[in-house]
Protein backbone atom coordinates (compact mmCIF):
# COMPACT_ATOMS: atom_id res chain seq x y z
CA UNK A 1 58.38 92.25 44.43
CA UNK A 2 57.24 93.18 40.93
CA UNK A 3 55.84 90.38 38.78
CA UNK A 4 58.50 90.84 36.08
CA UNK A 5 61.32 90.68 38.63
CA UNK A 6 59.77 87.65 40.31
CA UNK A 7 59.78 85.86 36.96
CA UNK A 8 63.48 86.66 36.54
CA UNK A 9 64.22 85.35 40.03
CA UNK A 10 62.35 82.12 39.26
CA UNK A 11 64.13 81.67 35.91
CA UNK A 12 67.61 82.28 37.32
CA UNK A 13 67.36 80.19 40.47
CA UNK A 14 65.37 77.39 38.82
CA UNK A 15 68.05 77.49 36.12
CA UNK A 16 70.73 76.94 38.76
CA UNK A 17 68.76 74.10 40.33
CA UNK A 18 68.11 72.32 37.02
CA UNK A 19 71.72 72.75 35.90
CA UNK A 20 72.72 70.92 39.08
CA UNK A 21 70.17 68.16 38.45
CA UNK A 22 71.35 67.63 34.87
CA UNK A 23 75.03 67.72 35.84
CA UNK A 24 74.79 64.82 38.30
CA UNK A 25 72.30 62.63 36.41
CA UNK A 26 75.14 60.82 34.65
CA UNK A 27 77.35 59.95 37.65
CA UNK A 28 74.18 59.20 39.65
CA UNK A 29 73.26 56.63 36.99
CA UNK A 30 76.68 54.98 37.33
CA UNK A 31 75.21 51.77 38.73
CA UNK A 32 72.79 51.65 35.77
CA UNK A 33 75.52 52.24 33.20
CA UNK A 34 77.79 49.52 34.61
CA UNK A 35 75.02 46.97 35.16
CA UNK A 36 74.92 44.03 32.74
CA UNK A 37 71.13 44.23 32.92
CA UNK A 38 71.18 47.73 31.44
CA UNK A 39 73.96 49.45 29.45
CA UNK A 40 76.73 47.03 30.42
CA UNK A 41 79.58 49.57 30.32
CA UNK A 42 83.00 48.53 31.60
CA UNK A 43 84.72 50.66 34.24
CA UNK A 44 86.94 52.27 31.59
CA UNK A 45 83.92 53.02 29.39
CA UNK A 46 82.07 54.58 32.31
CA UNK A 47 85.08 56.73 33.16
CA UNK A 48 85.45 57.88 29.55
CA UNK A 49 81.83 59.06 29.17
CA UNK A 50 82.83 62.22 31.03
CA UNK A 51 85.54 63.15 28.51
CA UNK A 52 83.20 64.91 26.01
CA UNK A 53 81.59 66.75 28.92
CA UNK A 54 84.93 68.06 30.14
CA UNK A 55 86.15 69.11 26.70
CA UNK A 56 82.94 70.89 25.75
CA UNK A 57 82.56 72.53 29.17
CA UNK A 58 86.08 73.96 28.91
CA UNK A 59 85.49 75.27 25.38
CA UNK A 60 82.05 76.74 26.14
CA UNK A 61 83.10 78.39 29.41
CA UNK A 62 86.10 80.06 27.76
CA UNK A 63 84.12 81.33 24.76
CA UNK A 64 80.90 82.32 26.57
CA UNK A 65 81.97 85.87 27.46
CA UNK A 66 83.09 86.67 23.90
CA UNK A 67 79.91 85.14 22.50
CA UNK A 68 77.85 87.26 24.90
CA UNK A 69 79.58 90.40 23.61
CA UNK A 70 78.19 89.59 20.16
CA UNK A 71 74.71 88.19 20.83
CA UNK A 72 73.94 89.05 24.47
CA UNK A 73 74.11 86.92 27.60
CA UNK A 74 70.43 85.95 27.41
CA UNK A 75 71.05 84.01 24.19
CA UNK A 76 74.09 82.35 25.77
CA UNK A 77 71.80 81.17 28.59
CA UNK A 78 69.18 79.94 26.11
CA UNK A 79 71.83 78.02 24.15
CA UNK A 80 72.96 76.46 27.41
CA UNK A 81 69.46 75.40 28.42
CA UNK A 82 68.80 73.98 24.94
CA UNK A 83 72.01 71.93 25.17
CA UNK A 84 70.88 70.58 28.56
CA UNK A 85 67.52 69.58 27.03
CA UNK A 86 69.33 67.66 24.27
CA UNK A 87 71.64 66.03 26.83
CA UNK A 88 68.91 64.68 29.11
CA UNK A 89 66.74 63.68 26.12
CA UNK A 90 69.62 61.59 24.72
CA UNK A 91 70.17 60.01 28.14
CA UNK A 92 66.50 59.02 28.17
CA UNK A 93 66.79 57.61 24.64
CA UNK A 94 69.75 55.43 25.65
CA UNK A 95 67.27 53.27 27.60
CA UNK A 96 65.96 51.86 24.33
CA UNK A 97 69.49 50.86 23.32
CA UNK A 98 70.13 48.65 26.34
CA UNK A 99 71.45 45.35 25.08
CA UNK A 100 73.48 47.11 22.40
CA UNK A 101 76.40 48.36 24.47
CA UNK A 102 78.33 50.21 21.74
CA UNK A 103 75.24 52.01 20.41
CA UNK A 104 74.22 53.04 23.93
CA UNK A 105 77.80 54.13 24.63
CA UNK A 106 77.83 56.38 21.54
CA UNK A 107 74.53 58.02 22.52
CA UNK A 108 75.71 58.61 26.10
CA UNK A 109 78.95 60.17 24.79
CA UNK A 110 76.88 62.59 22.69
CA UNK A 111 74.69 63.31 25.71
CA UNK A 112 77.64 64.21 27.94
CA UNK A 113 79.04 66.41 25.17
CA UNK A 114 75.84 68.45 25.15
CA UNK A 115 75.91 68.43 28.96
CA UNK A 116 79.33 70.10 28.87
CA UNK A 117 78.05 72.79 26.49
CA UNK A 118 74.96 73.33 28.61
CA UNK A 119 76.91 73.55 31.85
CA UNK A 120 79.54 75.92 30.45
CA UNK A 121 77.06 78.33 28.85
CA UNK A 122 74.34 78.17 31.52
CA UNK A 123 76.53 78.66 34.59
CA UNK A 124 78.56 81.41 32.92
CA UNK A 125 75.33 83.29 32.19
CA UNK A 126 73.50 82.58 35.45
CA UNK A 127 76.26 84.01 37.67
CA UNK A 128 76.13 87.60 36.34
CA UNK A 129 72.33 87.52 36.04
CA UNK A 130 72.07 86.52 39.71
CA UNK A 131 74.65 89.16 40.67
CA UNK A 132 72.45 92.02 39.44
CA UNK A 133 69.15 90.73 40.84
CA UNK A 134 69.32 92.51 44.20
CA UNK A 135 71.23 95.78 44.44
CA UNK A 136 73.45 95.88 47.51
CA UNK A 137 73.05 92.14 48.12
CA UNK A 138 75.13 90.81 45.26
CA UNK A 139 77.16 88.34 47.33
CA UNK A 140 74.04 86.84 48.89
CA UNK A 141 72.42 86.55 45.46
CA UNK A 142 75.41 84.61 44.08
CA UNK A 143 75.55 82.41 47.19
CA UNK A 144 71.86 81.61 46.76
CA UNK A 145 72.44 80.59 43.14
CA UNK A 146 75.20 78.17 44.13
CA UNK A 147 73.03 76.86 46.96
CA UNK A 148 70.28 75.97 44.46
CA UNK A 149 72.92 74.47 42.17
CA UNK A 150 74.05 72.30 45.08
CA UNK A 151 70.50 71.30 45.97
CA UNK A 152 70.01 70.27 42.35
CA UNK A 153 73.08 68.03 42.45
CA UNK A 154 71.76 66.43 45.64
CA UNK A 155 68.31 65.89 44.11
CA UNK A 156 69.55 64.04 41.05
CA UNK A 157 70.61 60.79 42.81
CA UNK A 158 67.28 60.74 44.66
CA UNK A 159 65.44 60.97 41.33
CA UNK A 160 67.48 58.08 39.93
CA UNK A 161 66.84 56.04 43.08
CA UNK A 162 63.09 56.74 43.02
CA UNK A 163 62.57 55.82 39.37
CA UNK A 164 64.91 52.82 39.65
CA UNK A 165 62.59 51.56 42.38
CA UNK A 166 59.76 51.86 39.85
CA UNK A 167 61.91 49.87 37.38
CA UNK A 168 62.07 52.83 34.99
CA UNK A 169 65.33 54.66 35.79
CA UNK A 170 64.94 56.70 32.60
CA UNK A 171 61.95 58.46 34.17
CA UNK A 172 64.44 60.67 36.05
CA UNK A 173 66.00 62.01 32.86
CA UNK A 174 62.61 62.29 31.14
CA UNK A 175 61.18 64.46 33.94
CA UNK A 176 64.37 66.55 33.90
CA UNK A 177 64.05 67.03 30.12
CA UNK A 178 60.45 68.23 30.40
CA UNK A 179 61.22 70.72 33.18
CA UNK A 180 64.24 72.05 31.29
CA UNK A 181 62.09 72.46 28.17
CA UNK A 182 59.55 74.46 30.18
CA UNK A 183 62.36 76.58 31.65
CA UNK A 184 63.80 77.22 28.18
CA UNK A 185 60.47 78.56 26.89
CA UNK A 186 59.82 80.52 30.10
CA UNK A 187 63.26 82.17 29.99
CA UNK A 188 62.90 82.99 26.29
CA UNK A 189 59.87 85.18 27.10
CA UNK A 190 61.71 87.29 29.70
CA UNK A 191 63.51 90.61 29.03
CA UNK A 192 66.83 89.47 30.48
CA UNK A 193 69.81 91.72 29.87
CA UNK A 194 73.00 92.42 31.79
CA UNK A 195 73.54 96.03 32.78
CA UNK A 196 77.23 95.58 31.98
CA UNK A 197 76.85 94.11 28.48
CA UNK A 198 79.27 95.65 25.98
CA UNK A 199 80.22 95.15 22.38
CA UNK A 200 83.27 93.04 21.66
CA UNK A 201 85.08 96.06 20.21
CA UNK A 202 84.87 97.79 23.59
CA UNK A 203 86.94 95.13 25.36
CA UNK A 204 89.94 96.89 26.86
CA UNK A 205 93.44 96.51 25.47
CA UNK A 206 94.60 95.60 28.97
CA UNK A 207 92.29 92.57 29.03
CA UNK A 208 93.26 91.43 25.54
CA UNK A 209 96.98 91.57 26.38
CA UNK A 210 96.57 89.89 29.77
CA UNK A 211 99.21 87.23 30.47
CA UNK A 212 98.91 84.58 33.14
CA UNK A 213 101.19 85.54 36.07
CA UNK A 214 102.90 82.95 38.25
CA UNK A 215 100.53 83.34 41.19
CA UNK A 216 97.50 82.71 39.00
CA UNK A 217 99.12 79.53 37.67
CA UNK A 218 99.15 78.23 41.26
CA UNK A 219 95.43 78.95 41.55
CA UNK A 220 94.81 77.14 38.26
CA UNK A 221 96.83 74.10 39.35
CA UNK A 222 95.13 74.12 42.75
CA UNK A 223 91.63 74.16 41.23
CA UNK A 224 92.70 71.33 38.91
CA UNK A 225 93.43 69.16 41.96
CA UNK A 226 90.21 70.34 43.58
CA UNK A 227 88.36 69.07 40.49
CA UNK A 228 90.14 65.73 40.82
CA UNK A 229 88.95 65.44 44.43
CA UNK A 230 85.38 66.39 43.55
CA UNK A 231 85.23 63.87 40.69
CA UNK A 232 86.38 61.02 42.93
CA UNK A 233 83.32 61.57 45.11
CA UNK A 234 80.90 62.92 42.51
CA UNK A 235 81.60 60.65 39.54
CA UNK A 236 82.52 57.41 41.32
CA UNK A 237 80.90 57.73 44.74
CA UNK A 238 77.74 55.74 44.01
CA UNK A 239 79.66 53.04 42.11
CA UNK A 240 82.15 52.74 44.99
CA UNK A 241 79.40 52.44 47.61
CA UNK A 242 77.67 49.68 45.63
CA UNK A 243 80.68 47.71 44.36
CA UNK A 244 83.06 48.05 47.32
CA UNK A 245 80.74 48.98 50.15
CA UNK A 246 78.06 46.43 49.31
CA UNK A 247 75.24 48.99 49.53
CA UNK A 248 72.09 48.67 47.48
CA UNK A 249 71.56 50.93 44.46
CA UNK A 250 69.11 53.01 46.53
CA UNK A 251 71.55 53.38 49.44
CA UNK A 252 74.41 54.18 47.05
CA UNK A 253 72.28 56.94 45.49
CA UNK A 254 71.48 58.20 48.98
CA UNK A 255 75.20 58.38 49.72
CA UNK A 256 75.80 60.51 46.63
CA UNK A 257 72.86 62.73 47.59
CA UNK A 258 74.34 63.17 51.06
CA UNK A 259 77.63 64.25 49.49
CA UNK A 260 76.07 66.85 47.17
CA UNK A 261 73.58 67.96 49.82
CA UNK A 262 76.44 68.54 52.26
CA UNK A 263 78.25 70.55 49.58
CA UNK A 264 75.21 72.85 49.31
CA UNK A 265 74.73 73.17 53.07
CA UNK A 266 78.45 73.69 53.64
CA UNK A 267 78.52 76.62 51.23
CA UNK A 268 75.70 78.37 53.08
CA UNK A 269 77.34 77.75 56.48
CA UNK A 270 80.68 79.02 55.19
CA UNK A 271 79.05 82.18 53.82
CA UNK A 272 77.48 82.85 57.23
CA UNK A 273 80.78 82.29 59.04
CA UNK A 274 82.57 84.58 56.58
CA UNK A 275 80.26 87.46 57.52
CA UNK A 276 81.85 87.73 60.98
CA UNK A 277 85.15 85.83 60.92
CA UNK A 278 88.26 85.49 58.78
CA UNK A 279 88.09 82.22 56.88
CA UNK A 280 91.48 81.80 55.19
CA UNK A 281 92.68 79.46 57.95
CA UNK A 282 89.61 77.27 57.36
CA UNK A 283 90.26 77.37 53.61
CA UNK A 284 93.87 76.23 54.01
CA UNK A 285 93.13 73.45 56.51
CA UNK A 286 90.11 71.90 54.74
CA UNK A 287 92.11 69.97 52.07
CA UNK A 288 94.01 68.12 54.80
CA UNK A 289 90.72 67.13 56.46
CA UNK A 290 89.56 65.96 53.04
CA UNK A 291 92.72 63.86 52.67
CA UNK A 292 91.91 62.07 55.95
CA UNK A 293 88.38 61.33 54.73
CA UNK A 294 89.69 59.89 51.44
CA UNK A 295 92.04 57.61 53.36
CA UNK A 296 89.46 56.51 55.95
CA UNK A 297 86.41 56.02 53.70
CA UNK A 298 87.40 52.59 52.28
CA UNK A 299 87.98 51.34 55.83
CA UNK A 300 84.35 51.89 56.85
CA UNK A 301 82.62 48.68 57.90
CA UNK A 302 78.94 49.65 57.99
CA UNK A 303 76.35 51.48 55.91
CA UNK A 304 76.13 54.25 58.49
CA UNK A 305 79.88 54.90 58.39
CA UNK A 306 79.94 54.93 54.58
CA UNK A 307 77.06 57.43 54.45
CA UNK A 308 78.55 59.60 57.20
CA UNK A 309 81.90 59.69 55.38
CA UNK A 310 80.19 60.84 52.17
CA UNK A 311 78.44 63.63 54.08
CA UNK A 312 81.68 64.68 55.80
CA UNK A 313 83.46 64.71 52.45
CA UNK A 314 80.80 67.05 51.07
CA UNK A 315 81.20 69.45 54.00
CA UNK A 316 85.00 69.45 53.76
CA UNK A 317 85.03 70.16 50.03
CA UNK A 318 82.01 72.49 49.92
CA UNK A 319 83.61 75.92 50.20
CA UNK A 320 86.98 75.22 48.57
CA UNK A 321 85.84 76.13 45.05
CA UNK A 322 83.92 79.38 45.77
CA UNK A 323 86.73 80.51 48.09
CA UNK A 324 89.27 79.83 45.32
CA UNK A 325 87.23 81.99 42.96
CA UNK A 326 86.86 84.85 45.46
CA UNK A 327 90.54 84.87 46.51
CA UNK A 328 91.80 84.79 42.93
CA UNK A 329 89.39 87.59 41.99
CA UNK A 330 90.76 89.64 44.90
CA UNK A 331 94.30 89.08 43.60
CA UNK A 332 93.38 90.00 39.99
CA UNK A 333 90.33 92.32 40.20
CA UNK A 334 90.80 93.89 36.76
CA UNK A 335 90.77 90.51 35.02
CA UNK A 336 88.09 88.81 37.14
CA UNK A 337 86.12 87.48 34.15
CA UNK A 338 89.17 85.96 32.46
CA UNK A 339 90.41 84.52 35.75
CA UNK A 340 87.01 82.91 36.28
CA UNK A 341 87.19 81.34 32.82
CA UNK A 342 90.65 79.91 33.50
CA UNK A 343 89.52 78.40 36.81
CA UNK A 344 86.35 76.88 35.31
CA UNK A 345 88.52 75.28 32.62
CA UNK A 346 90.93 73.96 35.28
CA UNK A 347 88.00 72.58 37.28
CA UNK A 348 86.63 70.69 34.29
CA UNK A 349 90.08 69.40 33.34
CA UNK A 350 90.69 68.11 36.88
CA UNK A 351 87.26 66.50 37.00
CA UNK A 352 87.83 64.72 33.70
CA UNK A 353 91.32 63.63 34.67
CA UNK A 354 90.21 61.95 37.89
CA UNK A 355 87.10 60.33 36.39
CA UNK A 356 89.13 58.79 33.55
CA UNK A 357 92.11 57.75 35.69
CA UNK A 358 89.84 55.82 38.06
CA UNK A 359 88.05 54.23 35.10
CA UNK A 360 91.26 53.02 33.46
CA UNK A 361 93.07 51.94 36.64
CA UNK A 362 90.05 50.11 38.05
CA UNK A 363 90.99 47.18 35.80
CA UNK A 364 94.12 46.69 37.91
CA UNK A 365 93.34 48.32 41.25
CA UNK A 366 90.28 48.24 43.49
CA UNK A 367 88.08 51.29 43.91
CA UNK A 368 89.11 51.33 47.58
CA UNK A 369 92.77 51.74 46.61
CA UNK A 370 91.91 54.42 44.05
CA UNK A 371 89.83 56.37 46.58
CA UNK A 372 92.75 56.28 49.00
CA UNK A 373 95.07 57.44 46.20
CA UNK A 374 92.90 60.56 45.92
CA UNK A 375 94.44 61.53 49.25
CA UNK A 376 97.37 62.73 47.10
CA UNK A 377 95.13 65.18 45.21
CA UNK A 378 93.91 66.72 48.46
CA UNK A 379 97.41 66.96 49.93
CA UNK A 380 98.81 68.67 46.82
CA UNK A 381 95.90 71.13 46.83
CA UNK A 382 96.51 71.84 50.51
CA UNK A 383 100.22 72.38 49.86
CA UNK A 384 99.44 74.92 47.13
CA UNK A 385 97.11 76.83 49.46
CA UNK A 386 99.83 76.92 52.13
CA UNK A 387 102.19 78.41 49.54
CA UNK A 388 99.59 81.06 48.61
CA UNK A 389 98.68 81.82 52.24
CA UNK A 390 100.82 84.96 52.65
CA UNK A 391 99.05 86.51 49.68
CA UNK A 392 95.71 85.76 51.34
CA UNK A 393 96.84 87.75 54.38
CA UNK A 394 97.50 90.80 52.19
CA UNK A 395 93.94 90.61 50.86
């Protein structure tokens, strides 16, 4: 492999990994945020810190393609990485505001806002860059990117756990900031350019006039409920394991790592299965398995069962999002970019909805009850996939 291409491979896949690390730093630090010895956030405050992230991720993901038409996708990626640097730097700075809850809360809100911008821009840019890395192996290249993204999300809780053990939790976000800063400079030096980049004036009239058909609305609603399921595990998993399960902060972080690690592994396994077998039946049945896990998780009575349930949840949910993207793209191939933007927005909206609902309702209901309520999200998602199933058969 040529040196210049190797540098591009490193930048793109390290970018995916670090985006995953940054994305999960905040939910992984849930026990820190809600601890009276640190930030002292209430459950509702913790739930609301994800609101700026969701709003900014939706806005940035929907505007990224148009921005790339004007300035190029490389600059979109650089803007995304810079926003991630600001996000993790602000998270680190919040350590020095412990004891002043409202000031720390304001800084964390700003940090998650930049996280949303960074996630929306970075992931939107990394996908097409990965796609053109290896001619004839585009699907494998994209799968590899999402694998590294998943590994990054699994690494983040381990970083928090390690530095918490050293009594300096903020070391996790500091290390992340420094690596992201290096990646920003490294990527800036590379001649990255999409082979398909066009000027905004060349966008087809058909794309501009595109209206959302009924079938696509079902995909959008389905991905919304997928996002709600993911947020229950991803945003509240570590808090649930500590508060309701009685696990230590380290074990709770391990549980969240098992969830995200299983998501990454599940995506690779699903991709391998899809090479030889039809997978729509697996896609349609997985939400119902997920519903059972949501219902059973609060009834676990040992650390091993809690951790196993988190891992099983990660496997069950792992391939639902990429499969939703691929099936919707097959249904609307001429508007694949716009469809992707709609689904990313739906994902972020569903994630924010679930994170905030749990935060507000936790004043009245236990986390165990709220986790079991998430069974409804999974069942609705499964019902939508059953409705769409005949269309899958045509594809």
